[in-house]
Amino acid sequence: MKIDQYFQGQPCWVELASLDIAISKPFYHALFAWDIVDMPIPQGTYSMFNLEGDDLGAMYQLPVEMIKTGELSQWLIYFAVEDLDNTLVDVAGAGGTIVLGPHDVGEAGRMAVITDPEGAKFALWQANNHMGAQRAGEKGTLCWVELACRQPKIAKPFYSHVFGWGSRVTDMDGMEYTAWQVGSQEVGGMMTMTDEWGDMRAHWMSYFTVGDCDAKALQVVELGGAICVPPTDIANVGRFAVVNDPNGAVFSIIELKIA
């Protein structure tokens, strides 16, 4: 499905910071059939991935100096905002922290990287010539984003204040689950981390649509990645798995149930 507009608070882009982009490129091309298009930028190369010419997200090589400081391969989710500067005022007022930016990205738009009060990292995007991902709702595209945190009573008012999100709380297999809403559309969720998560930090997770979760999870391993959470059913939703790419970046794949 083609996308031609994003509204305040909708996830609009994903970006992979890679420890070794020479490994990341063939992995994601094989797994999701993404075409990789390199674009020169002042810092090096920004590698866009797309389907049939439509941009879906991007990846880049982590600089050596960042790797030396302990930076790891990781996915970053961007959320659309109508006015970046005003949103940053809301971020500060709600207890968030600006860790990068704000700055212009050529003529494409303006961005900033944020951490919420618990330290979960995400990015804001005010579009100019590039709105973000141009497709959704098909295999290989981002379909859901999810916040795992330990303090949902702090996270909920923070994100509602910054993005204007509504929320709907449901019981999911005995666990309270919050769905984030932009108008009537559910765009993501929030779950509470338990002691079983160990010392893992609060974080945002990207979910990509696949046709067969079990087969795709096996392919991840065949391509040099690993399975963190094996394929598991979610009642009335579908079947998902949490995986690592060969560089350790974590993401989820989900086979959505067709009504």
C-alpha atoms as a PDB file:
ATOM      1  CA  MET A   1       0.000   0.000   0.000  1.00  0.00           C
ATOM      2  CA  LYS A   2       1.355   3.404  -0.994  1.00  0.00           C
ATOM      3  CA  ILE A   3       1.641   6.110   1.682  1.00  0.00           C
ATOM      4  CA  ASP A   4       1.397   9.790   0.751  1.00  0.00           C
ATOM      5  CA  GLN A   5       1.129  11.534   4.147  1.00  0.00           C
ATOM      6  CA  TYR A   6       1.947  11.139   7.825  1.00  0.00           C
ATOM      7  CA  PHE A   7       0.215  12.832  10.734  1.00  0.00           C
ATOM      8  CA  GLN A   8       1.630  13.961  14.093  1.00  0.00           C
ATOM      9  CA  GLY A   9       2.802  10.961  16.102  1.00  0.00           C
ATOM     10  CA  GLN A  10       2.703   8.328  13.364  1.00  0.00           C
ATOM     11  CA  PRO A  11       5.839   6.180  12.961  1.00  0.00           C
ATOM     12  CA  CYS A  12       7.223   7.247   9.589  1.00  0.00           C
ATOM     13  CA  TRP A  13      10.750   5.847   9.194  1.00  0.00           C
ATOM     14  CA  VAL A  14      13.203   3.284  10.554  1.00  0.00           C
ATOM     15  CA  GLU A  15      16.978   3.489  10.487  1.00  0.00           C
ATOM     16  CA  LEU A  16      19.638   0.908  11.257  1.00  0.00           C
ATOM     17  CA  ALA A  17      22.983   1.927  12.732  1.00  0.00           C
ATOM     18  CA  SER A  18      25.235  -1.002  11.804  1.00  0.00           C
ATOM     19  CA  LEU A  19      28.502  -2.235  13.266  1.00  0.00           C
ATOM     20  CA  ASP A  20      29.343  -3.663   9.838  1.00  0.00           C
ATOM     21  CA  ILE A  21      27.172  -2.497   6.977  1.00  0.00           C
ATOM     22  CA  ALA A  22      28.901  -4.913   4.578  1.00  0.00           C
ATOM     23  CA  ILE A  23      27.195  -7.687   6.576  1.00  0.00           C
ATOM     24  CA  SER A  24      23.889  -5.860   7.056  1.00  0.00           C
ATOM     25  CA  LYS A  25      23.250  -5.169   3.373  1.00  0.00           C
ATOM     26  CA  PRO A  26      23.154  -8.780   2.087  1.00  0.00           C
ATOM     27  CA  PHE A  27      21.322  -9.964   5.208  1.00  0.00           C
ATOM     28  CA  TYR A  28      18.361  -7.602   4.844  1.00  0.00           C
ATOM     29  CA  HIS A  29      18.314  -7.874   1.061  1.00  0.00           C
ATOM     30  CA  ALA A  30      17.932 -11.645   1.353  1.00  0.00           C
ATOM     31  CA  LEU A  31      15.500 -11.545   4.279  1.00  0.00           C
ATOM     32  CA  PHE A  32      13.078  -8.856   3.091  1.00  0.00           C
ATOM     33  CA  ALA A  33      13.979  -8.502  -0.615  1.00  0.00           C
ATOM     34  CA  TRP A  34      14.942  -4.895   0.043  1.00  0.00           C
ATOM     35  CA  ASP A  35      16.916  -3.145  -2.665  1.00  0.00           C
ATOM     36  CA  ILE A  36      19.816  -1.163  -1.191  1.00  0.00           C
ATOM     37  CA  VAL A  37      20.625   2.217  -2.740  1.00  0.00           C
ATOM     38  CA  ASP A  38      23.733   4.046  -1.504  1.00  0.00           C
ATOM     39  CA  MET A  39      23.552   7.828  -1.204  1.00  0.00           C
ATOM     40  CA  PRO A  40      26.698   9.879  -0.505  1.00  0.00           C
ATOM     41  CA  ILE A  41      26.467  12.174   2.515  1.00  0.00           C
ATOM     42  CA  PRO A  42      29.117  14.342   4.223  1.00  0.00           C
ATOM     43  CA  GLN A  43      29.652  11.673   6.900  1.00  0.00           C
ATOM     44  CA  GLY A  44      30.042   8.837   4.374  1.00  0.00           C
ATOM     45  CA  THR A  45      27.201   6.818   2.837  1.00  0.00           C
ATOM     46  CA  TYR A  46      23.517   6.594   3.720  1.00  0.00           C
ATOM     47  CA  SER A  47      22.077   3.358   2.351  1.00  0.00           C
ATOM     48  CA  MET A  48      18.366   3.569   1.583  1.00  0.00           C
ATOM     49  CA  PHE A  49      16.356   0.363   1.371  1.00  0.00           C
ATOM     50  CA  ASN A  50      13.266   0.207  -0.768  1.00  0.00           C
ATOM     51  CA  LEU A  51      10.778  -1.970  -2.613  1.00  0.00           C
ATOM     52  CA  GLU A  52      10.364  -1.293  -6.316  1.00  0.00           C
ATOM     53  CA  GLY A  53      11.806   2.196  -5.884  1.00  0.00           C
ATOM     54  CA  ASP A  54       9.724   3.191  -2.845  1.00  0.00           C
ATOM     55  CA  ASP A  55      11.796   4.139   0.212  1.00  0.00           C
ATOM     56  CA  LEU A  56      11.108   2.216   3.419  1.00  0.00           C
ATOM     57  CA  GLY A  57      14.010   3.219   5.667  1.00  0.00           C
ATOM     58  CA  ALA A  58      17.789   3.294   5.699  1.00  0.00           C
ATOM     59  CA  MET A  59      21.000   2.038   7.261  1.00  0.00           C
ATOM     60  CA  TYR A  60      24.451   3.454   7.837  1.00  0.00           C
ATOM     61  CA  GLN A  61      27.862   2.377   9.088  1.00  0.00           C
ATOM     62  CA  LEU A  62      28.561   3.328  12.697  1.00  0.00           C
ATOM     63  CA  PRO A  63      31.702   5.475  12.831  1.00  0.00           C
ATOM     64  CA  VAL A  64      34.769   3.841  14.369  1.00  0.00           C
ATOM     65  CA  GLU A  65      34.853   6.361  17.206  1.00  0.00           C
ATOM     66  CA  MET A  66      31.280   5.468  18.208  1.00  0.00           C
ATOM     67  CA  ILE A  67      32.047   1.738  18.101  1.00  0.00           C
ATOM     68  CA  LYS A  68      35.044   2.338  20.374  1.00  0.00           C
ATOM     69  CA  THR A  69      32.754   3.988  22.925  1.00  0.00           C
ATOM     70  CA  GLY A  70      30.581   0.869  23.007  1.00  0.00           C
ATOM     71  CA  GLU A  71      27.818   1.837  20.572  1.00  0.00           C
ATOM     72  CA  LEU A  72      25.987  -1.239  19.236  1.00  0.00           C
ATOM     73  CA  SER A  73      23.994  -2.064  16.124  1.00  0.00           C
ATOM     74  CA  GLN A  74      20.438  -0.856  16.685  1.00  0.00           C
ATOM     75  CA  TRP A  75      17.238   0.183  14.977  1.00  0.00           C
ATOM     76  CA  LEU A  76      15.867   3.703  15.507  1.00  0.00           C
ATOM     77  CA  ILE A  77      12.211   4.589  14.948  1.00  0.00           C
ATOM     78  CA  TYR A  78      11.230   8.048  13.663  1.00  0.00           C
ATOM     79  CA  PHE A  79       7.869   9.640  14.455  1.00  0.00           C
ATOM     80  CA  ALA A  80       6.334  12.356  12.299  1.00  0.00           C
ATOM     81  CA  VAL A  81       5.795  15.797  13.826  1.00  0.00           C
ATOM     82  CA  GLU A  82       4.236  18.904  12.329  1.00  0.00           C
ATOM     83  CA  ASP A  83       6.588  21.358  14.064  1.00  0.00           C
ATOM     84  CA  LEU A  84       9.872  20.011  15.401  1.00  0.00           C
ATOM     85  CA  ASP A  85      10.747  23.008  17.553  1.00  0.00           C
ATOM     86  CA  ASN A  86       7.365  23.060  19.284  1.00  0.00           C
ATOM     87  CA  THR A  87       7.531  19.308  19.854  1.00  0.00           C
ATOM     88  CA  LEU A  88      10.981  19.653  21.443  1.00  0.00           C
ATOM     89  CA  VAL A  89       9.529  22.149  23.903  1.00  0.00           C
ATOM     90  CA  ASP A  90       6.933  19.515  24.811  1.00  0.00           C
ATOM     91  CA  VAL A  91       9.664  16.853  25.112  1.00  0.00           C
ATOM     92  CA  ALA A  92      11.619  18.972  27.607  1.00  0.00           C
ATOM     93  CA  GLY A  93       8.494  19.911  29.514  1.00  0.00           C
ATOM     94  CA  ALA A  94       7.477  16.271  29.878  1.00  0.00           C
ATOM     95  CA  GLY A  95      10.870  15.095  31.140  1.00  0.00           C
ATOM     96  CA  GLY A  96      12.524  13.873  27.948  1.00  0.00           C
ATOM     97  CA  THR A  97      16.058  14.607  26.775  1.00  0.00           C
ATOM     98  CA  ILE A  98      17.358  15.818  23.412  1.00  0.00           C
ATOM     99  CA  VAL A  99      20.460  13.755  22.566  1.00  0.00           C
ATOM    100  CA  LEU A 100      21.015  14.906  18.979  1.00  0.00           C
ATOM    101  CA  GLY A 101      19.842  17.914  16.985  1.00  0.00           C
ATOM    102  CA  PRO A 102      17.674  19.562  16.039  1.00  0.00           C
ATOM    103  CA  HIS A 103      19.200  19.899  12.601  1.00  0.00           C
ATOM    104  CA  ASP A 104      18.292  19.986   8.932  1.00  0.00           C
ATOM    105  CA  VAL A 105      18.869  16.933   6.756  1.00  0.00           C
ATOM    106  CA  GLY A 106      19.493  18.740   3.479  1.00  0.00           C
ATOM    107  CA  GLU A 107      16.167  19.532   1.855  1.00  0.00           C
ATOM    108  CA  ALA A 108      14.597  16.300   3.115  1.00  0.00           C
ATOM    109  CA  GLY A 109      13.448  17.599   6.495  1.00  0.00           C
ATOM    110  CA  ARG A 110      14.490  18.299  10.096  1.00  0.00           C
ATOM    111  CA  MET A 111      15.182  15.804  12.826  1.00  0.00           C
ATOM    112  CA  ALA A 112      16.174  15.280  16.442  1.00  0.00           C
ATOM    113  CA  VAL A 113      16.936  12.192  18.516  1.00  0.00           C
ATOM    114  CA  ILE A 114      15.231  11.941  21.906  1.00  0.00           C
ATOM    115  CA  THR A 115      15.234   9.759  24.989  1.00  0.00           C
ATOM    116  CA  ASP A 116      12.087   9.502  27.092  1.00  0.00           C
ATOM    117  CA  PRO A 117      12.189   9.805  30.919  1.00  0.00           C
ATOM    118  CA  GLU A 118      13.224   6.142  31.218  1.00  0.00           C
ATOM    119  CA  GLY A 119      15.902   6.330  28.522  1.00  0.00           C
ATOM    120  CA  ALA A 120      14.130   4.751  25.526  1.00  0.00           C
ATOM    121  CA  LYS A 121      15.517   6.319  22.346  1.00  0.00           C
ATOM    122  CA  PHE A 122      13.485   7.485  19.342  1.00  0.00           C
ATOM    123  CA  ALA A 123      13.637  10.209  16.691  1.00  0.00           C
ATOM    124  CA  LEU A 124      11.384  13.030  15.500  1.00  0.00           C
ATOM    125  CA  TRP A 125      10.952  13.930  11.835  1.00  0.00           C
ATOM    126  CA  GLN A 126       9.507  17.135  10.377  1.00  0.00           C
ATOM    127  CA  ALA A 127       9.225  16.394   6.678  1.00  0.00           C
ATOM    128  CA  ASN A 128      10.121  18.756   3.892  1.00  0.00           C
ATOM    129  CA  ASN A 129      10.912  16.996   0.606  1.00  0.00           C
ATOM    130  CA  HIS A 130      10.939  13.493   2.094  1.00  0.00           C
ATOM    131  CA  MET A 131       7.955  12.414   4.188  1.00  0.00           C
ATOM    132  CA  GLY A 132       9.399   9.036   5.215  1.00  0.00           C
ATOM    133  CA  ALA A 133       8.507   5.459   4.293  1.00  0.00           C
ATOM    134  CA  GLN A 134       6.430   5.308   1.142  1.00  0.00           C
ATOM    135  CA  ARG A 135       4.817   1.917   1.693  1.00  0.00           C
ATOM    136  CA  ALA A 136       3.065   0.045   4.490  1.00  0.00           C
ATOM    137  CA  GLY A 137       0.734  -2.878   4.936  1.00  0.00           C
ATOM    138  CA  GLU A 138       2.716  -5.391   2.882  1.00  0.00           C
ATOM    139  CA  LYS A 139       5.505  -7.892   3.386  1.00  0.00           C
ATOM    140  CA  GLY A 140       8.827  -6.358   4.329  1.00  0.00           C
ATOM    141  CA  THR A 141       7.394  -3.102   5.641  1.00  0.00           C
ATOM    142  CA  LEU A 142       7.159  -1.673   9.151  1.00  0.00           C
ATOM    143  CA  CYS A 143       3.751  -2.507  10.613  1.00  0.00           C
ATOM    144  CA  TRP A 144       4.007  -1.858  14.370  1.00  0.00           C
ATOM    145  CA  VAL A 145       6.224  -0.194  16.968  1.00  0.00           C
ATOM    146  CA  GLU A 146       6.289  -1.131  20.634  1.00  0.00           C
ATOM    147  CA  LEU A 147       7.681   0.430  23.785  1.00  0.00           C
ATOM    148  CA  ALA A 148       8.964  -1.919  26.488  1.00  0.00           C
ATOM    149  CA  CYS A 149       9.353  -0.015  29.762  1.00  0.00           C
ATOM    150  CA  ARG A 150       9.229  -0.432  33.531  1.00  0.00           C
ATOM    151  CA  GLN A 151       7.323   2.730  34.374  1.00  0.00           C
ATOM    152  CA  PRO A 152       4.190   2.854  32.186  1.00  0.00           C
ATOM    153  CA  LYS A 153       2.586   5.423  34.497  1.00  0.00           C
ATOM    154  CA  ILE A 154       5.385   7.810  33.510  1.00  0.00           C
ATOM    155  CA  ALA A 155       5.574   6.780  29.856  1.00  0.00           C
ATOM    156  CA  LYS A 156       1.874   7.190  29.138  1.00  0.00           C
ATOM    157  CA  PRO A 157       1.583  10.903  30.041  1.00  0.00           C
ATOM    158  CA  PHE A 158       4.974  11.619  28.413  1.00  0.00           C
ATOM    159  CA  TYR A 159       4.002  10.286  24.983  1.00  0.00           C
ATOM    160  CA  SER A 160       0.468  11.629  25.201  1.00  0.00           C
ATOM    161  CA  HIS A 161       1.906  15.084  25.891  1.00  0.00           C
ATOM    162  CA  VAL A 162       4.559  14.924  23.138  1.00  0.00           C
ATOM    163  CA  PHE A 163       2.489  13.348  20.359  1.00  0.00           C
ATOM    164  CA  GLY A 164      -1.101  13.797  21.473  1.00  0.00           C
ATOM    165  CA  TRP A 165      -1.563  10.021  21.484  1.00  0.00           C
ATOM    166  CA  GLY A 166      -4.674   8.423  22.840  1.00  0.00           C
ATOM    167  CA  SER A 167      -4.465   4.947  24.340  1.00  0.00           C
ATOM    168  CA  ARG A 168      -6.505   1.788  24.771  1.00  0.00           C
ATOM    169  CA  VAL A 169      -5.659  -0.771  27.461  1.00  0.00           C
ATOM    170  CA  THR A 170      -6.378  -4.456  26.852  1.00  0.00           C
ATOM    171  CA  ASP A 171      -5.583  -7.779  28.498  1.00  0.00           C
ATOM    172  CA  MET A 172      -3.159  -9.792  26.375  1.00  0.00           C
ATOM    173  CA  ASP A 173      -2.587 -13.297  27.724  1.00  0.00           C
ATOM    174  CA  GLY A 174      -2.878 -12.044  31.304  1.00  0.00           C
ATOM    175  CA  MET A 175      -0.682  -8.991  30.677  1.00  0.00           C
ATOM    176  CA  GLU A 176      -1.874  -5.391  30.496  1.00  0.00           C
ATOM    177  CA  TYR A 177      -1.104  -4.014  27.047  1.00  0.00           C
ATOM    178  CA  THR A 178      -1.529  -0.420  25.911  1.00  0.00           C
ATOM    179  CA  ALA A 179      -2.223   0.408  22.280  1.00  0.00           C
ATOM    180  CA  TRP A 180      -1.185   3.913  21.183  1.00  0.00           C
ATOM    181  CA  GLN A 181      -3.683   5.770  19.012  1.00  0.00           C
ATOM    182  CA  VAL A 182      -3.428   8.599  16.495  1.00  0.00           C
ATOM    183  CA  GLY A 183      -7.065   9.510  16.071  1.00  0.00           C
ATOM    184  CA  SER A 184      -8.827   6.195  15.516  1.00  0.00           C
ATOM    185  CA  GLN A 185      -5.714   4.442  14.179  1.00  0.00           C
ATOM    186  CA  GLU A 186      -3.622   2.254  16.450  1.00  0.00           C
ATOM    187  CA  VAL A 187       0.016   2.881  15.568  1.00  0.00           C
ATOM    188  CA  GLY A 188       1.932   1.051  18.280  1.00  0.00           C
ATOM    189  CA  GLY A 189       1.868  -0.378  21.766  1.00  0.00           C
ATOM    190  CA  MET A 190       3.415  -0.426  25.224  1.00  0.00           C
ATOM    191  CA  MET A 191       4.180  -3.332  27.525  1.00  0.00           C
ATOM    192  CA  THR A 192       5.642  -3.422  31.026  1.00  0.00           C
ATOM    193  CA  MET A 193       9.013  -5.112  31.478  1.00  0.00           C
ATOM    194  CA  THR A 194       9.090  -7.678  34.305  1.00  0.00           C
ATOM    195  CA  ASP A 195      11.990  -9.130  36.304  1.00  0.00           C
ATOM    196  CA  GLU A 196      12.390 -11.724  33.543  1.00  0.00           C
ATOM    197  CA  TRP A 197      13.830  -8.979  31.327  1.00  0.00           C
ATOM    198  CA  GLY A 198      16.856  -8.705  33.619  1.00  0.00           C
ATOM    199  CA  ASP A 199      18.766  -5.433  33.362  1.00  0.00           C
ATOM    200  CA  MET A 200      17.657  -4.658  29.800  1.00  0.00           C
ATOM    201  CA  ARG A 201      16.934  -0.969  29.302  1.00  0.00           C
ATOM    202  CA  ALA A 202      13.620   0.486  28.183  1.00  0.00           C
ATOM    203  CA  HIS A 203      13.489   0.495  24.386  1.00  0.00           C
ATOM    204  CA  TRP A 204      11.396   0.758  21.264  1.00  0.00           C
ATOM    205  CA  MET A 205      10.936  -2.323  19.049  1.00  0.00           C
ATOM    206  CA  SER A 206      10.263  -2.389  15.298  1.00  0.00           C
ATOM    207  CA  TYR A 207       7.956  -5.042  13.811  1.00  0.00           C
ATOM    208  CA  PHE A 208       8.171  -5.983  10.130  1.00  0.00           C
ATOM    209  CA  THR A 209       5.463  -7.924   8.289  1.00  0.00           C
ATOM    210  CA  VAL A 210       6.286 -11.381   6.918  1.00  0.00           C
ATOM    211  CA  GLY A 211       4.208 -14.050   5.194  1.00  0.00           C
ATOM    212  CA  ASP A 212       5.424 -17.027   7.269  1.00  0.00           C
ATOM    213  CA  CYS A 213       6.911 -16.270  10.688  1.00  0.00           C
ATOM    214  CA  ASP A 214       8.398 -19.728  11.257  1.00  0.00           C
ATOM    215  CA  ALA A 215      10.061 -19.909   7.862  1.00  0.00           C
ATOM    216  CA  LYS A 216      11.377 -16.370   8.140  1.00  0.00           C
ATOM    217  CA  ALA A 217      12.803 -17.012  11.626  1.00  0.00           C
ATOM    218  CA  LEU A 218      14.687 -20.029  10.248  1.00  0.00           C
ATOM    219  CA  GLN A 219      15.964 -17.868   7.408  1.00  0.00           C
ATOM    220  CA  VAL A 220      17.299 -15.346   9.927  1.00  0.00           C
ATOM    221  CA  VAL A 221      19.458 -18.097  11.429  1.00  0.00           C
ATOM    222  CA  GLU A 222      20.538 -19.381   8.009  1.00  0.00           C
ATOM    223  CA  LEU A 223      21.694 -15.863   7.134  1.00  0.00           C
ATOM    224  CA  GLY A 224      23.819 -15.564  10.281  1.00  0.00           C
ATOM    225  CA  GLY A 225      21.338 -14.022  12.708  1.00  0.00           C
ATOM    226  CA  ALA A 226      19.761 -15.496  15.829  1.00  0.00           C
ATOM    227  CA  ILE A 227      16.324 -16.053  17.352  1.00  0.00           C
ATOM    228  CA  CYS A 228      15.738 -14.274  20.691  1.00  0.00           C
ATOM    229  CA  VAL A 229      12.064 -15.152  21.139  1.00  0.00           C
ATOM    230  CA  PRO A 230      10.904 -18.118  19.029  1.00  0.00           C
ATOM    231  CA  PRO A 231       7.765 -17.885  16.885  1.00  0.00           C
ATOM    232  CA  THR A 232       4.854 -17.340  19.245  1.00  0.00           C
ATOM    233  CA  ASP A 233       1.126 -16.855  18.686  1.00  0.00           C
ATOM    234  CA  ILE A 234      -0.631 -13.666  19.787  1.00  0.00           C
ATOM    235  CA  ALA A 235      -4.362 -14.320  20.091  1.00  0.00           C
ATOM    236  CA  ASN A 236      -6.402 -12.597  17.361  1.00  0.00           C
ATOM    237  CA  VAL A 237      -3.295 -10.828  16.049  1.00  0.00           C
ATOM    238  CA  GLY A 238      -0.870 -13.274  14.479  1.00  0.00           C
ATOM    239  CA  ARG A 239       2.457 -14.989  15.072  1.00  0.00           C
ATOM    240  CA  PHE A 240       5.675 -13.162  15.895  1.00  0.00           C
ATOM    241  CA  ALA A 241       9.328 -13.713  16.714  1.00  0.00           C
ATOM    242  CA  VAL A 242      12.098 -11.486  18.067  1.00  0.00           C
ATOM    243  CA  VAL A 243      15.388 -11.877  16.237  1.00  0.00           C
ATOM    244  CA  ASN A 244      18.928 -10.525  16.006  1.00  0.00           C
ATOM    245  CA  ASP A 245      20.669  -9.694  12.758  1.00  0.00           C
ATOM    246  CA  PRO A 246      24.309 -10.895  12.351  1.00  0.00           C
ATOM    247  CA  ASN A 247      25.573  -7.659  13.971  1.00  0.00           C
ATOM    248  CA  GLY A 248      23.259  -8.005  16.975  1.00  0.00           C
ATOM    249  CA  ALA A 249      20.545  -5.455  16.066  1.00  0.00           C
ATOM    250  CA  VAL A 250      17.203  -6.584  17.501  1.00  0.00           C
ATOM    251  CA  PHE A 251      13.902  -6.434  15.624  1.00  0.00           C
ATOM    252  CA  SER A 252      10.652  -8.398  15.376  1.00  0.00           C
ATOM    253  CA  ILE A 253       8.912 -10.156  12.526  1.00  0.00           C
ATOM    254  CA  ILE A 254       5.184 -10.817  12.540  1.00  0.00           C
ATOM    255  CA  GLU A 255       2.807 -12.862  10.438  1.00  0.00           C
ATOM    256  CA  LEU A 256      -0.475 -11.043  10.817  1.00  0.00           C
ATOM    257  CA  LYS A 257      -3.715 -12.968  11.123  1.00  0.00           C
ATOM    258  CA  ILE A 258      -6.048 -12.351   8.204  1.00  0.00           C
ATOM    259  CA  ALA A 259      -9.591 -11.695   9.381  1.00  0.00           C
END
